[in-house]
Amino acid sequence: MHMNGYGWDMVGFGLLHMALFWGLIGAAIVILVRAARGDREGVAVPSKLTRLEERYARGEIDRGEFERGKLDIER
């Protein structure tokens, strides 16, 4: 039987659908792994020294506490 070229279009669509399917599976795996690891893109975590400097700037701690905390962090 000869299909006169018909059917080859379906092969192309099949390959496209298969690539899309596996691409979505891969993307889902990446998203799940990142969520499980707790990745937070774009969320900056301040360093201990930065937090100490902010507390000192707000007046929550005095100069002595700031210096002791800074020495402790540097160790």
PDB file of N, CA and C in Angstrom:
ATOM      1  N   MET A   1       0.835  -1.168   0.000  1.00  0.00           N
ATOM      2  CA  MET A   1       0.000   0.000   0.000  1.00  0.00           C
ATOM      3  C   MET A   1       0.884   1.236   0.000  1.00  0.00           C
ATOM      4  N   HIS A   2       0.482   2.204  -0.723  1.00  0.00           N
ATOM      5  CA  HIS A   2       1.209   3.441  -0.823  1.00  0.00           C
ATOM      6  C   HIS A   2       0.331   4.543  -0.244  1.00  0.00           C
ATOM      7  N   MET A   3       0.937   5.416   0.608  1.00  0.00           N
ATOM      8  CA  MET A   3       0.139   6.413   1.308  1.00  0.00           C
ATOM      9  C   MET A   3       0.219   7.786   0.643  1.00  0.00           C
ATOM     10  N   ASN A   4       0.902   7.906  -0.474  1.00  0.00           N
ATOM     11  CA  ASN A   4       1.005   9.165  -1.199  1.00  0.00           C
ATOM     12  C   ASN A   4       1.514  10.307  -0.318  1.00  0.00           C
ATOM     13  N   GLY A   5       2.465  10.025   0.557  1.00  0.00           N
ATOM     14  CA  GLY A   5       3.027  11.073   1.393  1.00  0.00           C
ATOM     15  C   GLY A   5       2.273  11.324   2.681  1.00  0.00           C
ATOM     16  N   TYR A   6       1.079  10.815   2.761  1.00  0.00           N
ATOM     17  CA  TYR A   6       0.321  10.986   3.992  1.00  0.00           C
ATOM     18  C   TYR A   6       0.934  10.105   5.066  1.00  0.00           C
ATOM     19  N   GLY A   7       0.926  10.555   6.250  1.00  0.00           N
ATOM     20  CA  GLY A   7       1.505   9.780   7.341  1.00  0.00           C
ATOM     21  C   GLY A   7       2.819  10.383   7.801  1.00  0.00           C
ATOM     22  N   TRP A   8       3.603  10.917   6.850  1.00  0.00           N
ATOM     23  CA  TRP A   8       4.851  11.535   7.253  1.00  0.00           C
ATOM     24  C   TRP A   8       4.583  12.791   8.067  1.00  0.00           C
ATOM     25  N   ASP A   9       3.484  13.449   7.796  1.00  0.00           N
ATOM     26  CA  ASP A   9       3.108  14.600   8.616  1.00  0.00           C
ATOM     27  C   ASP A   9       2.863  14.168  10.057  1.00  0.00           C
ATOM     28  N   MET A  10       2.255  13.011  10.201  1.00  0.00           N
ATOM     29  CA  MET A  10       1.972  12.503  11.536  1.00  0.00           C
ATOM     30  C   MET A  10       3.252  12.149  12.276  1.00  0.00           C
ATOM     31  N   VAL A  11       4.267  11.673  11.567  1.00  0.00           N
ATOM     32  CA  VAL A  11       5.543  11.367  12.200  1.00  0.00           C
ATOM     33  C   VAL A  11       6.133  12.658  12.768  1.00  0.00           C
ATOM     34  N   GLY A  12       6.094  13.728  11.996  1.00  0.00           N
ATOM     35  CA  GLY A  12       6.603  15.017  12.458  1.00  0.00           C
ATOM     36  C   GLY A  12       5.857  15.513  13.676  1.00  0.00           C
ATOM     37  N   PHE A  13       4.536  15.417  13.661  1.00  0.00           N
ATOM     38  CA  PHE A  13       3.747  15.833  14.822  1.00  0.00           C
ATOM     39  C   PHE A  13       4.038  14.946  16.029  1.00  0.00           C
ATOM     40  N   GLY A  14       4.229  13.670  15.770  1.00  0.00           N
ATOM     41  CA  GLY A  14       4.549  12.742  16.857  1.00  0.00           C
ATOM     42  C   GLY A  14       5.873  13.094  17.516  1.00  0.00           C
ATOM     43  N   LEU A  15       6.875  13.403  16.701  1.00  0.00           N
ATOM     44  CA  LEU A  15       8.170  13.787  17.250  1.00  0.00           C
ATOM     45  C   LEU A  15       8.070  15.091  18.030  1.00  0.00           C
ATOM     46  N   LEU A  16       7.303  16.038  17.510  1.00  0.00           N
ATOM     47  CA  LEU A  16       7.109  17.307  18.197  1.00  0.00           C
ATOM     48  C   LEU A  16       6.426  17.103  19.550  1.00  0.00           C
ATOM     49  N   HIS A  17       5.392  16.284  19.552  1.00  0.00           N
ATOM     50  CA  HIS A  17       4.675  16.011  20.794  1.00  0.00           C
ATOM     51  C   HIS A  17       5.560  15.273  21.793  1.00  0.00           C
ATOM     52  N   MET A  18       6.379  14.349  21.301  1.00  0.00           N
ATOM     53  CA  MET A  18       7.267  13.599  22.189  1.00  0.00           C
ATOM     54  C   MET A  18       8.299  14.544  22.816  1.00  0.00           C
ATOM     55  N   ALA A  19       8.877  15.445  22.017  1.00  0.00           N
ATOM     56  CA  ALA A  19       9.851  16.406  22.538  1.00  0.00           C
ATOM     57  C   ALA A  19       9.186  17.325  23.561  1.00  0.00           C
ATOM     58  N   LEU A  20       7.984  17.774  23.289  1.00  0.00           N
ATOM     59  CA  LEU A  20       7.257  18.634  24.217  1.00  0.00           C
ATOM     60  C   LEU A  20       6.959  17.896  25.516  1.00  0.00           C
ATOM     61  N   PHE A  21       6.538  16.657  25.398  1.00  0.00           N
ATOM     62  CA  PHE A  21       6.229  15.838  26.571  1.00  0.00           C
ATOM     63  C   PHE A  21       7.449  15.695  27.477  1.00  0.00           C
ATOM     64  N   TRP A  22       8.591  15.285  26.907  1.00  0.00           N
ATOM     65  CA  TRP A  22       9.788  15.087  27.711  1.00  0.00           C
ATOM     66  C   TRP A  22      10.342  16.404  28.238  1.00  0.00           C
ATOM     67  N   GLY A  23      10.165  17.477  27.492  1.00  0.00           N
ATOM     68  CA  GLY A  23      10.577  18.794  27.975  1.00  0.00           C
ATOM     69  C   GLY A  23       9.785  19.205  29.201  1.00  0.00           C
ATOM     70  N   LEU A  24       8.485  18.959  29.173  1.00  0.00           N
ATOM     71  CA  LEU A  24       7.645  19.277  30.335  1.00  0.00           C
ATOM     72  C   LEU A  24       7.986  18.401  31.540  1.00  0.00           C
ATOM     73  N   ILE A  25       8.272  17.131  31.283  1.00  0.00           N
ATOM     74  CA  ILE A  25       8.676  16.235  32.367  1.00  0.00           C
ATOM     75  C   ILE A  25       9.975  16.741  32.998  1.00  0.00           C
ATOM     76  N   GLY A  26      10.943  17.119  32.160  1.00  0.00           N
ATOM     77  CA  GLY A  26      12.214  17.640  32.663  1.00  0.00           C
ATOM     78  C   GLY A  26      12.029  18.914  33.466  1.00  0.00           C
ATOM     79  N   ALA A  27      11.204  19.828  32.975  1.00  0.00           N
ATOM     80  CA  ALA A  27      10.947  21.083  33.684  1.00  0.00           C
ATOM     81  C   ALA A  27      10.283  20.813  35.033  1.00  0.00           C
ATOM     82  N   ALA A  28       9.367  19.873  35.065  1.00  0.00           N
ATOM     83  CA  ALA A  28       8.693  19.538  36.319  1.00  0.00           C
ATOM     84  C   ALA A  28       9.680  18.974  37.335  1.00  0.00           C
ATOM     85  N   ILE A  29      10.607  18.146  36.874  1.00  0.00           N
ATOM     86  CA  ILE A  29      11.613  17.579  37.776  1.00  0.00           C
ATOM     87  C   ILE A  29      12.503  18.680  38.346  1.00  0.00           C
ATOM     88  N   VAL A  30      12.934  19.604  37.493  1.00  0.00           N
ATOM     89  CA  VAL A  30      13.780  20.711  37.952  1.00  0.00           C
ATOM     90  C   VAL A  30      13.043  21.544  38.996  1.00  0.00           C
ATOM     91  N   ILE A  31      11.787  21.858  38.745  1.00  0.00           N
ATOM     92  CA  ILE A  31      10.993  22.658  39.683  1.00  0.00           C
ATOM     93  C   ILE A  31      10.828  21.935  41.009  1.00  0.00           C
ATOM     94  N   LEU A  32      10.545  20.644  40.961  1.00  0.00           N
ATOM     95  CA  LEU A  32      10.365  19.873  42.196  1.00  0.00           C
ATOM     96  C   LEU A  32      11.657  19.767  42.993  1.00  0.00           C
ATOM     97  N   VAL A  33      12.787  19.567  42.319  1.00  0.00           N
ATOM     98  CA  VAL A  33      14.069  19.473  43.025  1.00  0.00           C
ATOM     99  C   VAL A  33      14.412  20.808  43.672  1.00  0.00           C
ATOM    100  N   ARG A  34      14.209  21.896  42.947  1.00  0.00           N
ATOM    101  CA  ARG A  34      14.495  23.218  43.524  1.00  0.00           C
ATOM    102  C   ARG A  34      13.600  23.502  44.726  1.00  0.00           C
ATOM    103  N   ALA A  35      12.342  23.131  44.630  1.00  0.00           N
ATOM    104  CA  ALA A  35      11.422  23.357  45.751  1.00  0.00           C
ATOM    105  C   ALA A  35      11.829  22.510  46.950  1.00  0.00           C
ATOM    106  N   ALA A  36      12.264  21.283  46.707  1.00  0.00           N
ATOM    107  CA  ALA A  36      12.667  20.403  47.798  1.00  0.00           C
ATOM    108  C   ALA A  36      13.939  20.897  48.473  1.00  0.00           C
ATOM    109  N   ARG A  37      14.851  21.470  47.700  1.00  0.00           N
ATOM    110  CA  ARG A  37      16.101  21.980  48.256  1.00  0.00           C
ATOM    111  C   ARG A  37      15.911  23.330  48.914  1.00  0.00           C
ATOM    112  N   GLY A  38      14.806  23.990  48.633  1.00  0.00           N
ATOM    113  CA  GLY A  38      14.529  25.281  49.239  1.00  0.00           C
ATOM    114  C   GLY A  38      15.235  26.434  48.556  1.00  0.00           C
ATOM    115  N   ASP A  39      15.549  26.291  47.270  1.00  0.00           N
ATOM    116  CA  ASP A  39      16.177  27.391  46.535  1.00  0.00           C
ATOM    117  C   ASP A  39      15.235  28.581  46.499  1.00  0.00           C
ATOM    118  N   ARG A  40      15.769  29.724  46.810  1.00  0.00           N
ATOM    119  CA  ARG A  40      14.989  30.958  46.774  1.00  0.00           C
ATOM    120  C   ARG A  40      15.725  31.948  45.889  1.00  0.00           C
ATOM    121  N   GLU A  41      15.389  31.960  44.640  1.00  0.00           N
ATOM    122  CA  GLU A  41      16.043  32.879  43.721  1.00  0.00           C
ATOM    123  C   GLU A  41      15.614  34.307  44.019  1.00  0.00           C
ATOM    124  N   GLY A  42      16.574  35.185  44.032  1.00  0.00           N
ATOM    125  CA  GLY A  42      16.280  36.592  44.229  1.00  0.00           C
ATOM    126  C   GLY A  42      16.095  37.019  45.673  1.00  0.00           C
ATOM    127  N   VAL A  43      16.198  36.071  46.605  1.00  0.00           N
ATOM    128  CA  VAL A  43      16.053  36.414  48.013  1.00  0.00           C
ATOM    129  C   VAL A  43      17.452  36.539  48.599  1.00  0.00           C
ATOM    130  N   ALA A  44      17.824  37.758  48.931  1.00  0.00           N
ATOM    131  CA  ALA A  44      19.151  38.003  49.490  1.00  0.00           C
ATOM    132  C   ALA A  44      19.116  37.783  50.992  1.00  0.00           C
ATOM    133  N   VAL A  45      20.053  37.006  51.477  1.00  0.00           N
ATOM    134  CA  VAL A  45      20.158  36.763  52.907  1.00  0.00           C
ATOM    135  C   VAL A  45      21.318  37.609  53.421  1.00  0.00           C
ATOM    136  N   PRO A  46      21.025  38.561  54.307  1.00  0.00           N
ATOM    137  CA  PRO A  46      22.100  39.424  54.802  1.00  0.00           C
ATOM    138  C   PRO A  46      23.086  38.632  55.652  1.00  0.00           C
ATOM    139  N   SER A  47      24.342  39.032  55.597  1.00  0.00           N
ATOM    140  CA  SER A  47      25.369  38.370  56.395  1.00  0.00           C
ATOM    141  C   SER A  47      25.186  38.741  57.870  1.00  0.00           C
ATOM    142  N   LYS A  48      25.867  38.005  58.708  1.00  0.00           N
ATOM    143  CA  LYS A  48      25.777  38.291  60.143  1.00  0.00           C
ATOM    144  C   LYS A  48      26.294  39.689  60.452  1.00  0.00           C
ATOM    145  N   LEU A  49      27.391  40.067  59.791  1.00  0.00           N
ATOM    146  CA  LEU A  49      27.951  41.393  60.026  1.00  0.00           C
ATOM    147  C   LEU A  49      26.984  42.489  59.575  1.00  0.00           C
ATOM    148  N   THR A  50      26.328  42.290  58.449  1.00  0.00           N
ATOM    149  CA  THR A  50      25.353  43.265  57.956  1.00  0.00           C
ATOM    150  C   THR A  50      24.199  43.421  58.950  1.00  0.00           C
ATOM    151  N   ARG A  51      23.709  42.308  59.461  1.00  0.00           N
ATOM    152  CA  ARG A  51      22.614  42.376  60.441  1.00  0.00           C
ATOM    153  C   ARG A  51      23.064  43.078  61.717  1.00  0.00           C
ATOM    154  N   LEU A  52      24.323  42.805  62.137  1.00  0.00           N
ATOM    155  CA  LEU A  52      24.868  43.461  63.323  1.00  0.00           C
ATOM    156  C   LEU A  52      24.984  44.969  63.100  1.00  0.00           C
ATOM    157  N   GLU A  53      25.468  45.357  61.920  1.00  0.00           N
ATOM    158  CA  GLU A  53      25.586  46.788  61.591  1.00  0.00           C
ATOM    159  C   GLU A  53      24.218  47.463  61.570  1.00  0.00           C
ATOM    160  N   GLU A  54      23.212  46.767  61.038  1.00  0.00           N
ATOM    161  CA  GLU A  54      21.854  47.327  60.999  1.00  0.00           C
ATOM    162  C   GLU A  54      21.303  47.523  62.403  1.00  0.00           C
ATOM    163  N   ARG A  55      21.546  46.544  63.276  1.00  0.00           N
ATOM    164  CA  ARG A  55      21.080  46.685  64.670  1.00  0.00           C
ATOM    165  C   ARG A  55      21.755  47.855  65.353  1.00  0.00           C
ATOM    166  N   TYR A  56      23.041  48.032  65.101  1.00  0.00           N
ATOM    167  CA  TYR A  56      23.779  49.157  65.684  1.00  0.00           C
ATOM    168  C   TYR A  56      23.249  50.478  65.141  1.00  0.00           C
ATOM    169  N   ALA A  57      22.981  50.521  63.847  1.00  0.00           N
ATOM    170  CA  ALA A  57      22.468  51.753  63.221  1.00  0.00           C
ATOM    171  C   ALA A  57      21.085  52.119  63.765  1.00  0.00           C
ATOM    172  N   ARG A  58      20.266  51.130  64.084  1.00  0.00           N
ATOM    173  CA  ARG A  58      18.929  51.399  64.630  1.00  0.00           C
ATOM    174  C   ARG A  58      18.970  51.732  66.113  1.00  0.00           C
ATOM    175  N   GLY A  59      20.125  51.541  66.731  1.00  0.00           N
ATOM    176  CA  GLY A  59      20.257  51.851  68.158  1.00  0.00           C
ATOM    177  C   GLY A  59      19.835  50.715  69.062  1.00  0.00           C
ATOM    178  N   GLU A  60      19.678  49.515  68.528  1.00  0.00           N
ATOM    179  CA  GLU A  60      19.276  48.371  69.346  1.00  0.00           C
ATOM    180  C   GLU A  60      20.413  47.892  70.234  1.00  0.00           C
ATOM    181  N   ILE A  61      21.651  48.100  69.807  1.00  0.00           N
ATOM    182  CA  ILE A  61      22.815  47.708  70.591  1.00  0.00           C
ATOM    183  C   ILE A  61      23.767  48.901  70.682  1.00  0.00           C
ATOM    184  N   ASP A  62      24.600  48.900  71.727  1.00  0.00           N
ATOM    185  CA  ASP A  62      25.558  50.006  71.867  1.00  0.00           C
ATOM    186  C   ASP A  62      26.888  49.641  71.206  1.00  0.00           C
ATOM    187  N   ARG A  63      27.837  50.569  71.282  1.00  0.00           N
ATOM    188  CA  ARG A  63      29.125  50.401  70.609  1.00  0.00           C
ATOM    189  C   ARG A  63      29.881  49.172  71.129  1.00  0.00           C
ATOM    190  N   GLY A  64      29.847  48.958  72.427  1.00  0.00           N
ATOM    191  CA  GLY A  64      30.539  47.811  73.022  1.00  0.00           C
ATOM    192  C   GLY A  64      29.989  46.488  72.522  1.00  0.00           C
ATOM    193  N   GLU A  65      28.659  46.366  72.498  1.00  0.00           N
ATOM    194  CA  GLU A  65      28.038  45.141  71.990  1.00  0.00           C
ATOM    195  C   GLU A  65      28.364  44.931  70.515  1.00  0.00           C
ATOM    196  N   PHE A  66      28.377  46.036  69.776  1.00  0.00           N
ATOM    197  CA  PHE A  66      28.722  45.955  68.355  1.00  0.00           C
ATOM    198  C   PHE A  66      30.140  45.424  68.172  1.00  0.00           C
ATOM    199  N   GLU A  67      31.087  45.971  68.921  1.00  0.00           N
ATOM    200  CA  GLU A  67      32.487  45.543  68.806  1.00  0.00           C
ATOM    201  C   GLU A  67      32.658  44.082  69.217  1.00  0.00           C
ATOM    202  N   ARG A  68      32.011  43.672  70.311  1.00  0.00           N
ATOM    203  CA  ARG A  68      32.101  42.271  70.746  1.00  0.00           C
ATOM    204  C   ARG A  68      31.497  41.346  69.699  1.00  0.00           C
ATOM    205  N   GLY A  69      30.359  41.727  69.141  1.00  0.00           N
ATOM    206  CA  GLY A  69      29.723  40.915  68.109  1.00  0.00           C
ATOM    207  C   GLY A  69      30.585  40.822  66.856  1.00  0.00           C
ATOM    208  N   LYS A  70      31.203  41.935  66.495  1.00  0.00           N
ATOM    209  CA  LYS A  70      32.065  41.953  65.307  1.00  0.00           C
ATOM    210  C   LYS A  70      33.273  41.044  65.500  1.00  0.00           C
ATOM    211  N   LEU A  71      33.892  41.103  66.677  1.00  0.00           N
ATOM    212  CA  LEU A  71      35.026  40.220  66.959  1.00  0.00           C
ATOM    213  C   LEU A  71      34.597  38.746  66.945  1.00  0.00           C
ATOM    214  N   ASP A  72      33.433  38.480  67.497  1.00  0.00           N
ATOM    215  CA  ASP A  72      32.913  37.115  67.530  1.00  0.00           C
ATOM    216  C   ASP A  72      32.666  36.587  66.118  1.00  0.00           C
ATOM    217  N   ILE A  73      32.124  37.423  65.242  1.00  0.00           N
ATOM    218  CA  ILE A  73      31.842  37.022  63.857  1.00  0.00           C
ATOM    219  C   ILE A  73      33.131  36.763  63.095  1.00  0.00           C
ATOM    220  N   GLU A  74      34.151  37.595  63.328  1.00  0.00           N
ATOM    221  CA  GLU A  74      35.414  37.467  62.606  1.00  0.00           C
ATOM    222  C   GLU A  74      36.201  36.227  63.004  1.00  0.00           C
ATOM    223  N   ARG A  75      35.896  35.631  64.145  1.00  0.00           N
ATOM    224  CA  ARG A  75      36.599  34.413  64.560  1.00  0.00           C
ATOM    225  C   ARG A  75      36.160  33.226  63.818  1.00  0.00           C
TER     226      ARG A  75
END
